[in-house]
Amino acid sequence: MSLMAMPFVDSGVDTTLHVVGAVFMVATVAAVAFGFWKIHELPINQAHKKKHQQIGLITALTWIGFVWHWVWVLAVIVAFLDAEKALIKVRDIWCDKDTETSTQGEG
């Protein structure tokens, strides 16, 4: 056997290997696309699970996120962030800051 010999050329095995390779390639591309879709749908699934009030907004941001990926990040933030609790926390931090400055100025 020489160094230039190709063992599977012009045989049925050659065709079989091409078919197996093509099937494997198509399956890999399909699996990657499915995984991307499932990750991309996380905000919508989270919004439905939490019965979020802004499901329409999250859905729109998710679809726009296919084109502009930074919009998808906004959809994730809106879906996973409880806005009411966050606003209460910000208000409490703001009020504590005002209380500290007023007590320091009196002393």
C-alpha atoms as a PDB file:
ATOM      1  CA  MET A   1       0.000   0.000   0.000  1.00  0.00           C
ATOM      2  CA  SER A   2       1.470   3.323  -1.017  1.00  0.00           C
ATOM      3  CA  LEU A   3       1.225   6.601   0.899  1.00  0.00           C
ATOM      4  CA  MET A   4      -1.107   8.034  -1.770  1.00  0.00           C
ATOM      5  CA  ALA A   5      -3.660   5.209  -1.726  1.00  0.00           C
ATOM      6  CA  MET A   6      -7.168   6.102  -0.568  1.00  0.00           C
ATOM      7  CA  PRO A   7      -8.864   3.083   0.952  1.00  0.00           C
ATOM      8  CA  PHE A   8     -12.581   3.981   0.601  1.00  0.00           C
ATOM      9  CA  VAL A   9     -12.669   5.826  -2.741  1.00  0.00           C
ATOM     10  CA  ASP A  10     -15.039   4.467  -5.407  1.00  0.00           C
ATOM     11  CA  SER A  11     -16.713   1.985  -3.099  1.00  0.00           C
ATOM     12  CA  GLY A  12     -20.015   1.664  -1.284  1.00  0.00           C
ATOM     13  CA  VAL A  13     -18.239   2.488   1.970  1.00  0.00           C
ATOM     14  CA  ASP A  14     -17.337   5.917   0.564  1.00  0.00           C
ATOM     15  CA  THR A  15     -20.996   6.759  -0.033  1.00  0.00           C
ATOM     16  CA  THR A  16     -22.008   5.385   3.360  1.00  0.00           C
ATOM     17  CA  LEU A  17     -19.421   7.529   5.131  1.00  0.00           C
ATOM     18  CA  HIS A  18     -20.649  10.612   3.266  1.00  0.00           C
ATOM     19  CA  VAL A  19     -24.253   9.890   4.273  1.00  0.00           C
ATOM     20  CA  VAL A  20     -23.277   9.301   7.911  1.00  0.00           C
ATOM     21  CA  GLY A  21     -21.239  12.517   7.921  1.00  0.00           C
ATOM     22  CA  ALA A  22     -24.107  14.510   6.390  1.00  0.00           C
ATOM     23  CA  VAL A  23     -26.631  13.131   8.879  1.00  0.00           C
ATOM     24  CA  PHE A  24     -24.287  13.914  11.768  1.00  0.00           C
ATOM     25  CA  MET A  25     -23.719  17.462  10.495  1.00  0.00           C
ATOM     26  CA  VAL A  26     -27.441  18.161  10.068  1.00  0.00           C
ATOM     27  CA  ALA A  27     -28.185  16.707  13.522  1.00  0.00           C
ATOM     28  CA  THR A  28     -25.476  18.869  15.103  1.00  0.00           C
ATOM     29  CA  VAL A  29     -26.773  22.052  13.452  1.00  0.00           C
ATOM     30  CA  ALA A  30     -30.341  21.181  14.503  1.00  0.00           C
ATOM     31  CA  ALA A  31     -29.252  20.520  18.100  1.00  0.00           C
ATOM     32  CA  VAL A  32     -27.398  23.847  18.279  1.00  0.00           C
ATOM     33  CA  ALA A  33     -30.402  25.699  16.826  1.00  0.00           C
ATOM     34  CA  PHE A  34     -32.766  23.995  19.301  1.00  0.00           C
ATOM     35  CA  GLY A  35     -30.476  24.842  22.227  1.00  0.00           C
ATOM     36  CA  PHE A  36     -30.247  28.462  21.094  1.00  0.00           C
ATOM     37  CA  TRP A  37     -34.052  28.612  20.833  1.00  0.00           C
ATOM     38  CA  LYS A  38     -34.542  27.170  24.345  1.00  0.00           C
ATOM     39  CA  ILE A  39     -32.070  29.654  25.868  1.00  0.00           C
ATOM     40  CA  HIS A  40     -33.640  32.502  23.928  1.00  0.00           C
ATOM     41  CA  GLU A  41     -37.111  31.593  25.243  1.00  0.00           C
ATOM     42  CA  LEU A  42     -36.025  31.720  28.925  1.00  0.00           C
ATOM     43  CA  PRO A  43     -37.530  35.181  29.600  1.00  0.00           C
ATOM     44  CA  ILE A  44     -40.941  34.200  28.205  1.00  0.00           C
ATOM     45  CA  ASN A  45     -40.991  30.926  30.135  1.00  0.00           C
ATOM     46  CA  GLN A  46     -40.007  32.718  33.358  1.00  0.00           C
ATOM     47  CA  ALA A  47     -42.704  35.363  32.820  1.00  0.00           C
ATOM     48  CA  HIS A  48     -45.378  32.703  32.330  1.00  0.00           C
ATOM     49  CA  LYS A  49     -44.168  30.756  35.367  1.00  0.00           C
ATOM     50  CA  LYS A  50     -44.307  33.846  37.618  1.00  0.00           C
ATOM     51  CA  LYS A  51     -47.539  35.102  35.975  1.00  0.00           C
ATOM     52  CA  HIS A  52     -45.723  38.353  35.245  1.00  0.00           C
ATOM     53  CA  GLN A  53     -47.863  41.417  34.484  1.00  0.00           C
ATOM     54  CA  GLN A  54     -45.647  42.420  31.542  1.00  0.00           C
ATOM     55  CA  ILE A  55     -45.777  39.185  29.503  1.00  0.00           C
ATOM     56  CA  GLY A  56     -46.507  41.123  26.297  1.00  0.00           C
ATOM     57  CA  LEU A  57     -43.515  43.401  26.808  1.00  0.00           C
ATOM     58  CA  ILE A  58     -41.219  40.485  27.616  1.00  0.00           C
ATOM     59  CA  THR A  59     -42.421  38.579  24.549  1.00  0.00           C
ATOM     60  CA  ALA A  60     -41.847  41.584  22.282  1.00  0.00           C
ATOM     61  CA  LEU A  61     -38.391  42.211  23.738  1.00  0.00           C
ATOM     62  CA  THR A  62     -37.502  38.543  23.297  1.00  0.00           C
ATOM     63  CA  TRP A  63     -38.508  38.553  19.617  1.00  0.00           C
ATOM     64  CA  ILE A  64     -36.677  41.827  18.971  1.00  0.00           C
ATOM     65  CA  GLY A  65     -33.716  40.247  20.757  1.00  0.00           C
ATOM     66  CA  PHE A  66     -33.233  37.894  17.800  1.00  0.00           C
ATOM     67  CA  VAL A  67     -32.022  40.919  15.835  1.00  0.00           C
ATOM     68  CA  TRP A  68     -30.545  43.121  18.564  1.00  0.00           C
ATOM     69  CA  HIS A  69     -29.143  40.915  21.312  1.00  0.00           C
ATOM     70  CA  TRP A  70     -28.916  43.691  23.909  1.00  0.00           C
ATOM     71  CA  VAL A  71     -32.733  43.904  23.807  1.00  0.00           C
ATOM     72  CA  TRP A  72     -32.874  40.232  24.824  1.00  0.00           C
ATOM     73  CA  VAL A  73     -30.806  41.139  27.891  1.00  0.00           C
ATOM     74  CA  LEU A  74     -33.486  43.704  28.786  1.00  0.00           C
ATOM     75  CA  ALA A  75     -36.125  40.982  28.427  1.00  0.00           C
ATOM     76  CA  VAL A  76     -34.166  38.766  30.837  1.00  0.00           C
ATOM     77  CA  ILE A  77     -33.867  41.607  33.356  1.00  0.00           C
ATOM     78  CA  VAL A  78     -37.576  42.449  33.155  1.00  0.00           C
ATOM     79  CA  ALA A  79     -38.596  38.787  33.397  1.00  0.00           C
ATOM     80  CA  PHE A  80     -36.378  37.830  36.325  1.00  0.00           C
ATOM     81  CA  LEU A  81     -36.530  41.097  38.277  1.00  0.00           C
ATOM     82  CA  ASP A  82     -39.486  41.699  40.554  1.00  0.00           C
ATOM     83  CA  ALA A  83     -39.969  45.411  39.866  1.00  0.00           C
ATOM     84  CA  GLU A  84     -42.209  46.019  42.872  1.00  0.00           C
ATOM     85  CA  LYS A  85     -39.704  44.574  45.343  1.00  0.00           C
ATOM     86  CA  ALA A  86     -36.844  46.377  43.600  1.00  0.00           C
ATOM     87  CA  LEU A  87     -38.628  49.744  43.850  1.00  0.00           C
ATOM     88  CA  ILE A  88     -39.395  49.141  47.527  1.00  0.00           C
ATOM     89  CA  LYS A  89     -35.706  48.308  48.125  1.00  0.00           C
ATOM     90  CA  VAL A  90     -34.575  51.472  46.312  1.00  0.00           C
ATOM     91  CA  ARG A  91     -37.094  53.527  48.306  1.00  0.00           C
ATOM     92  CA  ASP A  92     -35.846  52.025  51.568  1.00  0.00           C
ATOM     93  CA  ILE A  93     -32.232  52.744  50.629  1.00  0.00           C
ATOM     94  CA  TRP A  94     -33.169  56.305  49.671  1.00  0.00           C
ATOM     95  CA  CYS A  95     -35.120  56.874  52.899  1.00  0.00           C
ATOM     96  CA  ASP A  96     -32.299  55.441  55.032  1.00  0.00           C
ATOM     97  CA  LYS A  97     -29.874  57.804  53.344  1.00  0.00           C
ATOM     98  CA  ASP A  98     -32.147  60.784  54.087  1.00  0.00           C
ATOM     99  CA  THR A  99     -32.537  59.652  57.711  1.00  0.00           C
ATOM    100  CA  GLU A 100     -28.757  59.361  58.188  1.00  0.00           C
ATOM    101  CA  THR A 101     -28.065  62.826  56.764  1.00  0.00           C
ATOM    102  CA  SER A 102     -30.794  64.470  58.843  1.00  0.00           C
ATOM    103  CA  THR A 103     -29.604  62.861  62.097  1.00  0.00           C
ATOM    104  CA  GLN A 104     -25.962  63.729  61.393  1.00  0.00           C
ATOM    105  CA  GLY A 105     -26.864  67.375  60.718  1.00  0.00           C
ATOM    106  CA  GLU A 106     -28.751  67.709  64.044  1.00  0.00           C
ATOM    107  CA  GLY A 107     -25.995  66.321  66.272  1.00  0.00           C
END
